[in-house]
Amino acid sequence: MLDLSPSTYFARKKRPKSARRLRDEQLMPLIEQVHAESGGTYGARRITRALRRKGHEVARCTVERLMAELGIEGVIRGRRRRTTIPEPSAPRPPDLVDRDFTASRPDQLWVADMERREVL
């Protein structure tokens, strides 16, 4: 199923964890703890600073990666900017494929995003 030889699979399974993985496993509970102490509001920058204050030297990109792996994120404050407001009365091109973009064979369905531009 994985297209691997059995010897490759068992060699990988037997191999010890890398230094990065071991460090990640040490940092993950600390990141979760700082995030929980902040009430779930701290993002990667603040968690990085908090860990450094506690004496753990860690890069922000590492904290970002581990936060994504843990499925946690900080709170985003403020209103989101809306840069494009669609015109409801503007004509829309017909949807000829009914939003189904799957094809069972090559050259069955061609889809393009065409934007109408007028030259003044």
PDB file of N, CA and C in Angstrom:
ATOM      1  N   MET A   1       0.822  -1.196   0.000  1.00  0.00           N
ATOM      2  CA  MET A   1       0.000   0.000   0.000  1.00  0.00           C
ATOM      3  C   MET A   1       0.869   1.264   0.000  1.00  0.00           C
ATOM      4  N   LEU A   2       1.953   1.259   0.774  1.00  0.00           N
ATOM      5  CA  LEU A   2       2.816   2.431   0.844  1.00  0.00           C
ATOM      6  C   LEU A   2       3.921   2.402  -0.197  1.00  0.00           C
ATOM      7  N   ASP A   3       4.022   1.354  -0.971  1.00  0.00           N
ATOM      8  CA  ASP A   3       5.084   1.205  -1.964  1.00  0.00           C
ATOM      9  C   ASP A   3       6.466   1.198  -1.325  1.00  0.00           C
ATOM     10  N   LEU A   4       6.591   0.550  -0.171  1.00  0.00           N
ATOM     11  CA  LEU A   4       7.864   0.419   0.526  1.00  0.00           C
ATOM     12  C   LEU A   4       8.196  -1.050   0.683  1.00  0.00           C
ATOM     13  N   SER A   5       9.486  -1.319   0.669  1.00  0.00           N
ATOM     14  CA  SER A   5       9.890  -2.697   0.948  1.00  0.00           C
ATOM     15  C   SER A   5       9.759  -2.944   2.450  1.00  0.00           C
ATOM     16  N   PRO A   6       9.524  -4.168   2.864  1.00  0.00           N
ATOM     17  CA  PRO A   6       9.401  -4.456   4.300  1.00  0.00           C
ATOM     18  C   PRO A   6      10.638  -4.046   5.093  1.00  0.00           C
ATOM     19  N   SER A   7      11.826  -4.220   4.510  1.00  0.00           N
ATOM     20  CA  SER A   7      13.048  -3.861   5.237  1.00  0.00           C
ATOM     21  C   SER A   7      13.116  -2.358   5.493  1.00  0.00           C
ATOM     22  N   THR A   8      12.667  -1.553   4.533  1.00  0.00           N
ATOM     23  CA  THR A   8      12.645  -0.094   4.715  1.00  0.00           C
ATOM     24  C   THR A   8      11.676   0.283   5.828  1.00  0.00           C
ATOM     25  N   TYR A   9      10.508  -0.332   5.831  1.00  0.00           N
ATOM     26  CA  TYR A   9       9.505  -0.041   6.856  1.00  0.00           C
ATOM     27  C   TYR A   9      10.044  -0.349   8.250  1.00  0.00           C
ATOM     28  N   PHE A  10      10.603  -1.558   8.427  1.00  0.00           N
ATOM     29  CA  PHE A  10      11.064  -1.958   9.753  1.00  0.00           C
ATOM     30  C   PHE A  10      12.310  -1.183  10.176  1.00  0.00           C
ATOM     31  N   ALA A  11      13.169  -0.796   9.217  1.00  0.00           N
ATOM     32  CA  ALA A  11      14.341   0.016   9.540  1.00  0.00           C
ATOM     33  C   ALA A  11      13.907   1.380  10.052  1.00  0.00           C
ATOM     34  N   ARG A  12      12.903   1.959   9.427  1.00  0.00           N
ATOM     35  CA  ARG A  12      12.385   3.272   9.853  1.00  0.00           C
ATOM     36  C   ARG A  12      11.721   3.166  11.220  1.00  0.00           C
ATOM     37  N   LYS A  13      11.010   2.075  11.443  1.00  0.00           N
ATOM     38  CA  LYS A  13      10.317   1.882  12.706  1.00  0.00           C
ATOM     39  C   LYS A  13      11.312   1.692  13.858  1.00  0.00           C
ATOM     40  N   LYS A  14      12.457   1.085  13.569  1.00  0.00           N
ATOM     41  CA  LYS A  14      13.460   0.791  14.583  1.00  0.00           C
ATOM     42  C   LYS A  14      14.376   1.993  14.865  1.00  0.00           C
ATOM     43  N   ARG A  15      14.448   2.931  13.902  1.00  0.00           N
ATOM     44  CA  ARG A  15      15.358   4.063  14.028  1.00  0.00           C
ATOM     45  C   ARG A  15      14.965   4.943  15.217  1.00  0.00           C
ATOM     46  N   PRO A  16      15.949   5.446  15.976  1.00  0.00           N
ATOM     47  CA  PRO A  16      15.607   6.327  17.108  1.00  0.00           C
ATOM     48  C   PRO A  16      15.096   7.680  16.631  1.00  0.00           C
ATOM     49  N   LYS A  17      14.393   8.379  17.488  1.00  0.00           N
ATOM     50  CA  LYS A  17      13.856   9.698  17.144  1.00  0.00           C
ATOM     51  C   LYS A  17      14.983  10.691  16.917  1.00  0.00           C
ATOM     52  N   SER A  18      14.764  11.608  16.010  1.00  0.00           N
ATOM     53  CA  SER A  18      15.778  12.622  15.700  1.00  0.00           C
ATOM     54  C   SER A  18      15.868  13.632  16.841  1.00  0.00           C
ATOM     55  N   ALA A  19      16.943  14.396  16.845  1.00  0.00           N
ATOM     56  CA  ALA A  19      17.136  15.421  17.867  1.00  0.00           C
ATOM     57  C   ALA A  19      16.024  16.475  17.783  1.00  0.00           C
ATOM     58  N   ARG A  20      15.618  16.798  16.558  1.00  0.00           N
ATOM     59  CA  ARG A  20      14.538  17.782  16.377  1.00  0.00           C
ATOM     60  C   ARG A  20      13.236  17.261  16.978  1.00  0.00           C
ATOM     61  N   ARG A  21      12.928  15.993  16.728  1.00  0.00           N
ATOM     62  CA  ARG A  21      11.686  15.426  17.256  1.00  0.00           C
ATOM     63  C   ARG A  21      11.701  15.385  18.781  1.00  0.00           C
ATOM     64  N   LEU A  22      12.849  15.036  19.354  1.00  0.00           N
ATOM     65  CA  LEU A  22      12.962  15.011  20.812  1.00  0.00           C
ATOM     66  C   LEU A  22      12.764  16.412  21.397  1.00  0.00           C
ATOM     67  N   ARG A  23      13.374  17.414  20.755  1.00  0.00           N
ATOM     68  CA  ARG A  23      13.224  18.808  21.218  1.00  0.00           C
ATOM     69  C   ARG A  23      11.764  19.252  21.074  1.00  0.00           C
ATOM     70  N   ASP A  24      11.143  18.880  19.958  1.00  0.00           N
ATOM     71  CA  ASP A  24       9.730  19.226  19.743  1.00  0.00           C
ATOM     72  C   ASP A  24       8.853  18.636  20.850  1.00  0.00           C
ATOM     73  N   GLU A  25       9.132  17.400  21.227  1.00  0.00           N
ATOM     74  CA  GLU A  25       8.335  16.749  22.268  1.00  0.00           C
ATOM     75  C   GLU A  25       8.528  17.409  23.633  1.00  0.00           C
ATOM     76  N   GLN A  26       9.694  18.033  23.847  1.00  0.00           N
ATOM     77  CA  GLN A  26       9.913  18.783  25.079  1.00  0.00           C
ATOM     78  C   GLN A  26       9.173  20.120  25.043  1.00  0.00           C
ATOM     79  N   LEU A  27       9.146  20.751  23.866  1.00  0.00           N
ATOM     80  CA  LEU A  27       8.550  22.085  23.743  1.00  0.00           C
ATOM     81  C   LEU A  27       7.027  22.060  23.678  1.00  0.00           C
ATOM     82  N   MET A  28       6.448  21.022  23.131  1.00  0.00           N
ATOM     83  CA  MET A  28       4.992  20.978  22.945  1.00  0.00           C
ATOM     84  C   MET A  28       4.215  21.196  24.250  1.00  0.00           C
ATOM     85  N   PRO A  29       4.536  20.494  25.337  1.00  0.00           N
ATOM     86  CA  PRO A  29       3.786  20.751  26.567  1.00  0.00           C
ATOM     87  C   PRO A  29       3.997  22.169  27.099  1.00  0.00           C
ATOM     88  N   LEU A  30       5.202  22.724  26.897  1.00  0.00           N
ATOM     89  CA  LEU A  30       5.464  24.090  27.347  1.00  0.00           C
ATOM     90  C   LEU A  30       4.631  25.087  26.556  1.00  0.00           C
ATOM     91  N   ILE A  31       4.541  24.872  25.244  1.00  0.00           N
ATOM     92  CA  ILE A  31       3.732  25.757  24.389  1.00  0.00           C
ATOM     93  C   ILE A  31       2.269  25.665  24.799  1.00  0.00           C
ATOM     94  N   GLU A  32       1.776  24.441  25.020  1.00  0.00           N
ATOM     95  CA  GLU A  32       0.381  24.279  25.445  1.00  0.00           C
ATOM     96  C   GLU A  32       0.139  24.948  26.793  1.00  0.00           C
ATOM     97  N   GLN A  33       1.113  24.862  27.693  1.00  0.00           N
ATOM     98  CA  GLN A  33       0.971  25.465  29.019  1.00  0.00           C
ATOM     99  C   GLN A  33       0.897  26.985  28.921  1.00  0.00           C
ATOM    100  N   VAL A  34       1.822  27.599  28.157  1.00  0.00           N
ATOM    101  CA  VAL A  34       1.822  29.061  28.006  1.00  0.00           C
ATOM    102  C   VAL A  34       0.534  29.512  27.325  1.00  0.00           C
ATOM    103  N   HIS A  35       0.094  28.759  26.328  1.00  0.00           N
ATOM    104  CA  HIS A  35      -1.138  29.104  25.611  1.00  0.00           C
ATOM    105  C   HIS A  35      -2.338  29.034  26.556  1.00  0.00           C
ATOM    106  N   ALA A  36      -2.380  28.006  27.398  1.00  0.00           N
ATOM    107  CA  ALA A  36      -3.485  27.859  28.356  1.00  0.00           C
ATOM    108  C   ALA A  36      -3.439  28.952  29.421  1.00  0.00           C
ATOM    109  N   GLU A  37      -2.230  29.289  29.888  1.00  0.00           N
ATOM    110  CA  GLU A  37      -2.092  30.350  30.899  1.00  0.00           C
ATOM    111  C   GLU A  37      -2.573  31.694  30.372  1.00  0.00           C
ATOM    112  N   SER A  38      -2.439  31.899  29.065  1.00  0.00           N
ATOM    113  CA  SER A  38      -2.873  33.170  28.471  1.00  0.00           C
ATOM    114  C   SER A  38      -4.373  33.172  28.189  1.00  0.00           C
ATOM    115  N   GLY A  39      -5.041  32.109  28.521  1.00  0.00           N
ATOM    116  CA  GLY A  39      -6.469  32.014  28.229  1.00  0.00           C
ATOM    117  C   GLY A  39      -6.728  31.718  26.765  1.00  0.00           C
ATOM    118  N   GLY A  40      -5.725  31.167  26.090  1.00  0.00           N
ATOM    119  CA  GLY A  40      -5.872  30.837  24.672  1.00  0.00           C
ATOM    120  C   GLY A  40      -5.733  32.027  23.755  1.00  0.00           C
ATOM    121  N   THR A  41      -5.150  33.115  24.260  1.00  0.00           N
ATOM    122  CA  THR A  41      -5.061  34.328  23.451  1.00  0.00           C
ATOM    123  C   THR A  41      -3.703  34.533  22.801  1.00  0.00           C
ATOM    124  N   TYR A  42      -2.637  33.990  23.371  1.00  0.00           N
ATOM    125  CA  TYR A  42      -1.296  34.232  22.852  1.00  0.00           C
ATOM    126  C   TYR A  42      -1.076  33.531  21.513  1.00  0.00           C
ATOM    127  N   GLY A  43      -0.421  34.249  20.615  1.00  0.00           N
ATOM    128  CA  GLY A  43      -0.003  33.683  19.343  1.00  0.00           C
ATOM    129  C   GLY A  43       1.456  33.275  19.420  1.00  0.00           C
ATOM    130  N   ALA A  44       2.042  32.974  18.280  1.00  0.00           N
ATOM    131  CA  ALA A  44       3.414  32.466  18.233  1.00  0.00           C
ATOM    132  C   ALA A  44       4.420  33.475  18.784  1.00  0.00           C
ATOM    133  N   ARG A  45       4.252  34.760  18.459  1.00  0.00           N
ATOM    134  CA  ARG A  45       5.211  35.761  18.930  1.00  0.00           C
ATOM    135  C   ARG A  45       5.228  35.859  20.448  1.00  0.00           C
ATOM    136  N   ARG A  46       4.067  35.953  21.045  1.00  0.00           N
ATOM    137  CA  ARG A  46       3.989  36.093  22.495  1.00  0.00           C
ATOM    138  C   ARG A  46       4.412  34.812  23.210  1.00  0.00           C
ATOM    139  N   ILE A  47       4.063  33.672  22.651  1.00  0.00           N
ATOM    140  CA  ILE A  47       4.483  32.411  23.262  1.00  0.00           C
ATOM    141  C   ILE A  47       6.005  32.292  23.206  1.00  0.00           C
ATOM    142  N   THR A  48       6.599  32.691  22.083  1.00  0.00           N
ATOM    143  CA  THR A  48       8.055  32.662  21.961  1.00  0.00           C
ATOM    144  C   THR A  48       8.697  33.529  23.033  1.00  0.00           C
ATOM    145  N   ARG A  49       8.173  34.744  23.202  1.00  0.00           N
ATOM    146  CA  ARG A  49       8.719  35.650  24.228  1.00  0.00           C
ATOM    147  C   ARG A  49       8.556  35.073  25.631  1.00  0.00           C
ATOM    148  N   ALA A  50       7.404  34.477  25.900  1.00  0.00           N
ATOM    149  CA  ALA A  50       7.156  33.896  27.225  1.00  0.00           C
ATOM    150  C   ALA A  50       8.108  32.730  27.490  1.00  0.00           C
ATOM    151  N   LEU A  51       8.352  31.903  26.482  1.00  0.00           N
ATOM    152  CA  LEU A  51       9.271  30.778  26.656  1.00  0.00           C
ATOM    153  C   LEU A  51      10.699  31.270  26.890  1.00  0.00           C
ATOM    154  N   ARG A  52      11.084  32.320  26.192  1.00  0.00           N
ATOM    155  CA  ARG A  52      12.424  32.877  26.401  1.00  0.00           C
ATOM    156  C   ARG A  52      12.570  33.467  27.795  1.00  0.00           C
ATOM    157  N   ARG A  53      11.506  34.103  28.301  1.00  0.00           N
ATOM    158  CA  ARG A  53      11.553  34.633  29.668  1.00  0.00           C
ATOM    159  C   ARG A  53      11.716  33.501  30.682  1.00  0.00           C
ATOM    160  N   LYS A  54      11.146  32.341  30.351  1.00  0.00           N
ATOM    161  CA  LYS A  54      11.258  31.187  31.250  1.00  0.00           C
ATOM    162  C   LYS A  54      12.586  30.446  31.080  1.00  0.00           C
ATOM    163  N   GLY A  55      13.435  30.914  30.156  1.00  0.00           N
ATOM    164  CA  GLY A  55      14.754  30.313  29.985  1.00  0.00           C
ATOM    165  C   GLY A  55      14.867  29.278  28.891  1.00  0.00           C
ATOM    166  N   HIS A  56      13.859  29.166  28.020  1.00  0.00           N
ATOM    167  CA  HIS A  56      13.892  28.202  26.914  1.00  0.00           C
ATOM    168  C   HIS A  56      14.197  28.967  25.634  1.00  0.00           C
ATOM    169  N   GLU A  57      15.364  28.733  25.056  1.00  0.00           N
ATOM    170  CA  GLU A  57      15.746  29.408  23.811  1.00  0.00           C
ATOM    171  C   GLU A  57      15.070  28.686  22.646  1.00  0.00           C
ATOM    172  N   VAL A  58      14.177  29.382  21.982  1.00  0.00           N
ATOM    173  CA  VAL A  58      13.400  28.769  20.907  1.00  0.00           C
ATOM    174  C   VAL A  58      13.134  29.813  19.828  1.00  0.00           C
ATOM    175  N   ALA A  59      13.100  29.376  18.583  1.00  0.00           N
ATOM    176  CA  ALA A  59      12.833  30.274  17.458  1.00  0.00           C
ATOM    177  C   ALA A  59      11.326  30.399  17.240  1.00  0.00           C
ATOM    178  N   ARG A  60      10.917  31.553  16.745  1.00  0.00           N
ATOM    179  CA  ARG A  60       9.489  31.772  16.518  1.00  0.00           C
ATOM    180  C   ARG A  60       8.934  30.815  15.469  1.00  0.00           C
ATOM    181  N   CYS A  61       9.733  30.525  14.433  1.00  0.00           N
ATOM    182  CA  CYS A  61       9.244  29.609  13.387  1.00  0.00           C
ATOM    183  C   CYS A  61       8.993  28.211  13.950  1.00  0.00           C
ATOM    184  N   THR A  62       9.782  27.824  14.953  1.00  0.00           N
ATOM    185  CA  THR A  62       9.578  26.530  15.601  1.00  0.00           C
ATOM    186  C   THR A  62       8.268  26.537  16.374  1.00  0.00           C
ATOM    187  N   VAL A  63       8.014  27.635  17.086  1.00  0.00           N
ATOM    188  CA  VAL A  63       6.758  27.757  17.836  1.00  0.00           C
ATOM    189  C   VAL A  63       5.580  27.761  16.868  1.00  0.00           C
ATOM    190  N   GLU A  64       5.704  28.471  15.743  1.00  0.00           N
ATOM    191  CA  GLU A  64       4.631  28.491  14.739  1.00  0.00           C
ATOM    192  C   GLU A  64       4.342  27.089  14.225  1.00  0.00           C
ATOM    193  N   ARG A  65       5.402  26.350  13.900  1.00  0.00           N
ATOM    194  CA  ARG A  65       5.242  24.990  13.370  1.00  0.00           C
ATOM    195  C   ARG A  65       4.584  24.068  14.394  1.00  0.00           C
ATOM    196  N   LEU A  66       5.030  24.165  15.644  1.00  0.00           N
ATOM    197  CA  LEU A  66       4.469  23.288  16.679  1.00  0.00           C
ATOM    198  C   LEU A  66       3.039  23.681  17.037  1.00  0.00           C
ATOM    199  N   MET A  67       2.739  24.976  17.015  1.00  0.00           N
ATOM    200  CA  MET A  67       1.358  25.400  17.261  1.00  0.00           C
ATOM    201  C   MET A  67       0.434  24.849  16.187  1.00  0.00           C
ATOM    202  N   ALA A  68       0.887  24.872  14.936  1.00  0.00           N
ATOM    203  CA  ALA A  68       0.077  24.314  13.852  1.00  0.00           C
ATOM    204  C   ALA A  68      -0.106  22.807  14.042  1.00  0.00           C
ATOM    205  N   GLU A  69       0.954  22.146  14.453  1.00  0.00           N
ATOM    206  CA  GLU A  69       0.882  20.702  14.692  1.00  0.00           C
ATOM    207  C   GLU A  69      -0.072  20.378  15.840  1.00  0.00           C
ATOM    208  N   LEU A  70      -0.078  21.242  16.867  1.00  0.00           N
ATOM    209  CA  LEU A  70      -0.966  21.040  18.012  1.00  0.00           C
ATOM    210  C   LEU A  70      -2.394  21.510  17.733  1.00  0.00           C
ATOM    211  N   GLY A  71      -2.556  22.277  16.674  1.00  0.00           N
ATOM    212  CA  GLY A  71      -3.887  22.778  16.327  1.00  0.00           C
ATOM    213  C   GLY A  71      -4.341  23.930  17.204  1.00  0.00           C
ATOM    214  N   ILE A  72      -3.390  24.724  17.694  1.00  0.00           N
ATOM    215  CA  ILE A  72      -3.761  25.887  18.511  1.00  0.00           C
ATOM    216  C   ILE A  72      -3.330  27.163  17.807  1.00  0.00           C
ATOM    217  N   GLU A  73      -4.048  28.237  18.075  1.00  0.00           N
ATOM    218  CA  GLU A  73      -3.704  29.533  17.492  1.00  0.00           C
ATOM    219  C   GLU A  73      -4.129  30.636  18.441  1.00  0.00           C
ATOM    220  N   GLY A  74      -3.517  31.783  18.264  1.00  0.00           N
ATOM    221  CA  GLY A  74      -3.849  32.929  19.094  1.00  0.00           C
ATOM    222  C   GLY A  74      -5.099  33.622  18.599  1.00  0.00           C
ATOM    223  N   VAL A  75      -5.563  34.582  19.387  1.00  0.00           N
ATOM    224  CA  VAL A  75      -6.760  35.336  19.023  1.00  0.00           C
ATOM    225  C   VAL A  75      -6.368  36.468  18.095  1.00  0.00           C
ATOM    226  N   ILE A  76      -7.156  36.690  17.060  1.00  0.00           N
ATOM    227  CA  ILE A  76      -6.939  37.808  16.143  1.00  0.00           C
ATOM    228  C   ILE A  76      -7.918  38.899  16.529  1.00  0.00           C
ATOM    229  N   ARG A  77      -7.370  40.025  16.946  1.00  0.00           N
ATOM    230  CA  ARG A  77      -8.224  41.113  17.411  1.00  0.00           C
ATOM    231  C   ARG A  77      -8.500  42.097  16.274  1.00  0.00           C
ATOM    232  N   GLY A  78      -9.562  42.836  16.436  1.00  0.00           N
ATOM    233  CA  GLY A  78      -9.904  43.853  15.441  1.00  0.00           C
ATOM    234  C   GLY A  78     -10.814  43.296  14.372  1.00  0.00           C
ATOM    235  N   ARG A  79     -11.332  44.196  13.572  1.00  0.00           N
ATOM    236  CA  ARG A  79     -12.227  43.793  12.492  1.00  0.00           C
ATOM    237  C   ARG A  79     -11.425  43.413  11.271  1.00  0.00           C
ATOM    238  N   ARG A  80     -11.910  42.444  10.547  1.00  0.00           N
ATOM    239  CA  ARG A  80     -11.273  42.045   9.299  1.00  0.00           C
ATOM    240  C   ARG A  80     -11.601  43.089   8.234  1.00  0.00           C
ATOM    241  N   ARG A  81     -10.625  43.416   7.429  1.00  0.00           N
ATOM    242  CA  ARG A  81     -10.857  44.371   6.340  1.00  0.00           C
ATOM    243  C   ARG A  81     -11.489  43.649   5.156  1.00  0.00           C
ATOM    244  N   ARG A  82     -12.474  44.273   4.608  1.00  0.00           N
ATOM    245  CA  ARG A  82     -13.128  43.730   3.430  1.00  0.00           C
ATOM    246  C   ARG A  82     -12.669  44.565   2.251  1.00  0.00           C
ATOM    247  N   THR A  83     -11.839  43.979   1.403  1.00  0.00           N
ATOM    248  CA  THR A  83     -11.242  44.750   0.322  1.00  0.00           C
ATOM    249  C   THR A  83     -12.082  44.742  -0.945  1.00  0.00           C
ATOM    250  N   THR A  84     -12.883  43.722  -1.142  1.00  0.00           N
ATOM    251  CA  THR A  84     -13.696  43.624  -2.350  1.00  0.00           C
ATOM    252  C   THR A  84     -15.145  43.400  -1.956  1.00  0.00           C
ATOM    253  N   ILE A  85     -16.011  44.213  -2.492  1.00  0.00           N
ATOM    254  CA  ILE A  85     -17.447  44.065  -2.232  1.00  0.00           C
ATOM    255  C   ILE A  85     -18.114  43.737  -3.561  1.00  0.00           C
ATOM    256  N   PRO A  86     -18.658  42.522  -3.705  1.00  0.00           N
ATOM    257  CA  PRO A  86     -19.263  42.140  -4.984  1.00  0.00           C
ATOM    258  C   PRO A  86     -20.557  42.915  -5.243  1.00  0.00           C
ATOM    259  N   GLU A  87     -20.803  43.194  -6.483  1.00  0.00           N
ATOM    260  CA  GLU A  87     -22.030  43.881  -6.899  1.00  0.00           C
ATOM    261  C   GLU A  87     -23.093  42.813  -7.143  1.00  0.00           C
ATOM    262  N   PRO A  88     -24.170  42.798  -6.331  1.00  0.00           N
ATOM    263  CA  PRO A  88     -25.170  41.726  -6.473  1.00  0.00           C
ATOM    264  C   PRO A  88     -25.915  41.748  -7.808  1.00  0.00           C
ATOM    265  N   SER A  89     -26.032  42.915  -8.432  1.00  0.00           N
ATOM    266  CA  SER A  89     -26.786  42.987  -9.683  1.00  0.00           C
ATOM    267  C   SER A  89     -25.913  42.736 -10.904  1.00  0.00           C
ATOM    268  N   ALA A  90     -24.627  42.504 -10.731  1.00  0.00           N
ATOM    269  CA  ALA A  90     -23.735  42.261 -11.872  1.00  0.00           C
ATOM    270  C   ALA A  90     -24.073  40.918 -12.512  1.00  0.00           C
ATOM    271  N   PRO A  91     -23.999  40.854 -13.840  1.00  0.00           N
ATOM    272  CA  PRO A  91     -24.307  39.576 -14.510  1.00  0.00           C
ATOM    273  C   PRO A  91     -23.238  38.529 -14.201  1.00  0.00           C
ATOM    274  N   ARG A  92     -23.678  37.304 -13.999  1.00  0.00           N
ATOM    275  CA  ARG A  92     -22.777  36.200 -13.708  1.00  0.00           C
ATOM    276  C   ARG A  92     -22.796  35.225 -14.892  1.00  0.00           C
ATOM    277  N   PRO A  93     -21.647  34.679 -15.267  1.00  0.00           N
ATOM    278  CA  PRO A  93     -21.643  33.688 -16.343  1.00  0.00           C
ATOM    279  C   PRO A  93     -22.326  32.403 -15.878  1.00  0.00           C
ATOM    280  N   PRO A  94     -22.910  31.649 -16.784  1.00  0.00           N
ATOM    281  CA  PRO A  94     -23.609  30.422 -16.380  1.00  0.00           C
ATOM    282  C   PRO A  94     -22.629  29.361 -15.873  1.00  0.00           C
ATOM    283  N   ASP A  95     -23.087  28.545 -14.938  1.00  0.00           N
ATOM    284  CA  ASP A  95     -22.283  27.459 -14.377  1.00  0.00           C
ATOM    285  C   ASP A  95     -22.622  26.188 -15.154  1.00  0.00           C
ATOM    286  N   LEU A  96     -21.832  25.897 -16.179  1.00  0.00           N
ATOM    287  CA  LEU A  96     -22.151  24.797 -17.085  1.00  0.00           C
ATOM    288  C   LEU A  96     -21.788  23.422 -16.526  1.00  0.00           C
ATOM    289  N   VAL A  97     -20.951  23.362 -15.500  1.00  0.00           N
ATOM    290  CA  VAL A  97     -20.553  22.066 -14.948  1.00  0.00           C
ATOM    291  C   VAL A  97     -21.149  21.827 -13.569  1.00  0.00           C
ATOM    292  N   ASP A  98     -22.018  22.691 -13.110  1.00  0.00           N
ATOM    293  CA  ASP A  98     -22.707  22.525 -11.829  1.00  0.00           C
ATOM    294  C   ASP A  98     -21.730  22.392 -10.663  1.00  0.00           C
ATOM    295  N   ARG A  99     -20.629  23.131 -10.692  1.00  0.00           N
ATOM    296  CA  ARG A  99     -19.596  23.152  -9.643  1.00  0.00           C
ATOM    297  C   ARG A  99     -18.961  21.779  -9.417  1.00  0.00           C
ATOM    298  N   ASP A 100     -19.076  20.876 -10.381  1.00  0.00           N
ATOM    299  CA  ASP A 100     -18.468  19.552 -10.280  1.00  0.00           C
ATOM    300  C   ASP A 100     -17.266  19.518 -11.219  1.00  0.00           C
ATOM    301  N   PHE A 101     -16.049  19.603 -10.649  1.00  0.00           N
ATOM    302  CA  PHE A 101     -14.838  19.728 -11.449  1.00  0.00           C
ATOM    303  C   PHE A 101     -14.078  18.410 -11.559  1.00  0.00           C
ATOM    304  N   THR A 102     -14.749  17.297 -11.318  1.00  0.00           N
ATOM    305  CA  THR A 102     -14.098  16.000 -11.424  1.00  0.00           C
ATOM    306  C   THR A 102     -14.240  15.467 -12.840  1.00  0.00           C
ATOM    307  N   ALA A 103     -13.218  14.773 -13.293  1.00  0.00           N
ATOM    308  CA  ALA A 103     -13.233  14.170 -14.622  1.00  0.00           C
ATOM    309  C   ALA A 103     -12.809  12.707 -14.499  1.00  0.00           C
ATOM    310  N   SER A 104     -13.500  11.833 -15.191  1.00  0.00           N
ATOM    311  CA  SER A 104     -13.187  10.408 -15.111  1.00  0.00           C
ATOM    312  C   SER A 104     -12.099  10.011 -16.104  1.00  0.00           C
ATOM    313  N   ARG A 105     -11.791  10.871 -17.070  1.00  0.00           N
ATOM    314  CA  ARG A 105     -10.741  10.579 -18.053  1.00  0.00           C
ATOM    315  C   ARG A 105     -10.100  11.891 -18.500  1.00  0.00           C
ATOM    316  N   PRO A 106      -8.919  11.823 -19.089  1.00  0.00           N
ATOM    317  CA  PRO A 106      -8.270  13.046 -19.573  1.00  0.00           C
ATOM    318  C   PRO A 106      -9.072  13.701 -20.698  1.00  0.00           C
ATOM    319  N   ASP A 107      -8.979  14.990 -20.797  1.00  0.00           N
ATOM    320  CA  ASP A 107      -9.651  15.802 -21.833  1.00  0.00           C
ATOM    321  C   ASP A 107     -11.170  15.690 -21.795  1.00  0.00           C
ATOM    322  N   GLN A 108     -11.736  15.379 -20.653  1.00  0.00           N
ATOM    323  CA  GLN A 108     -13.184  15.304 -20.540  1.00  0.00           C
ATOM    324  C   GLN A 108     -13.765  16.667 -20.167  1.00  0.00           C
ATOM    325  N   LEU A 109     -13.071  17.387 -19.303  1.00  0.00           N
ATOM    326  CA  LEU A 109     -13.593  18.656 -18.798  1.00  0.00           C
ATOM    327  C   LEU A 109     -12.462  19.669 -18.718  1.00  0.00           C
ATOM    328  N   TRP A 110     -12.665  20.805 -19.353  1.00  0.00           N
ATOM    329  CA  TRP A 110     -11.690  21.886 -19.298  1.00  0.00           C
ATOM    330  C   TRP A 110     -12.351  23.053 -18.593  1.00  0.00           C
ATOM    331  N   VAL A 111     -11.655  23.618 -17.612  1.00  0.00           N
ATOM    332  CA  VAL A 111     -12.209  24.716 -16.832  1.00  0.00           C
ATOM    333  C   VAL A 111     -11.211  25.865 -16.854  1.00  0.00           C
ATOM    334  N   ALA A 112     -11.715  27.080 -16.997  1.00  0.00           N
ATOM    335  CA  ALA A 112     -10.843  28.267 -16.992  1.00  0.00           C
ATOM    336  C   ALA A 112     -11.536  29.373 -16.217  1.00  0.00           C
ATOM    337  N   ASP A 113     -10.735  30.259 -15.682  1.00  0.00           N
ATOM    338  CA  ASP A 113     -11.260  31.410 -14.972  1.00  0.00           C
ATOM    339  C   ASP A 113     -11.066  32.620 -15.883  1.00  0.00           C
ATOM    340  N   MET A 114     -12.116  33.025 -16.497  1.00  0.00           N
ATOM    341  CA  MET A 114     -12.056  34.140 -17.447  1.00  0.00           C
ATOM    342  C   MET A 114     -12.555  35.400 -16.763  1.00  0.00           C
ATOM    343  N   GLU A 115     -11.797  36.449 -16.921  1.00  0.00           N
ATOM    344  CA  GLU A 115     -12.182  37.722 -16.332  1.00  0.00           C
ATOM    345  C   GLU A 115     -12.437  38.689 -17.480  1.00  0.00           C
ATOM    346  N   ARG A 116     -13.602  39.305 -17.488  1.00  0.00           N
ATOM    347  CA  ARG A 116     -13.957  40.224 -18.555  1.00  0.00           C
ATOM    348  C   ARG A 116     -13.367  41.597 -18.248  1.00  0.00           C
ATOM    349  N   ARG A 117     -12.579  42.090 -19.153  1.00  0.00           N
ATOM    350  CA  ARG A 117     -11.977  43.413 -18.989  1.00  0.00           C
ATOM    351  C   ARG A 117     -12.339  44.272 -20.189  1.00  0.00           C
ATOM    352  N   GLU A 118     -12.653  45.484 -19.928  1.00  0.00           N
ATOM    353  CA  GLU A 118     -12.999  46.404 -20.999  1.00  0.00           C
ATOM    354  C   GLU A 118     -11.915  47.471 -21.110  1.00  0.00           C
ATOM    355  N   VAL A 119     -11.566  47.804 -22.319  1.00  0.00           N
ATOM    356  CA  VAL A 119     -10.582  48.848 -22.567  1.00  0.00           C
ATOM    357  C   VAL A 119     -11.339  50.133 -22.851  1.00  0.00           C
ATOM    358  N   LEU A 120     -11.002  51.169 -22.125  1.00  0.00           N
ATOM    359  CA  LEU A 120     -11.673  52.453 -22.319  1.00  0.00           C
ATOM    360  C   LEU A 120     -10.872  53.361 -23.177  1.00  0.00           C
TER     361      LEU A 120
END
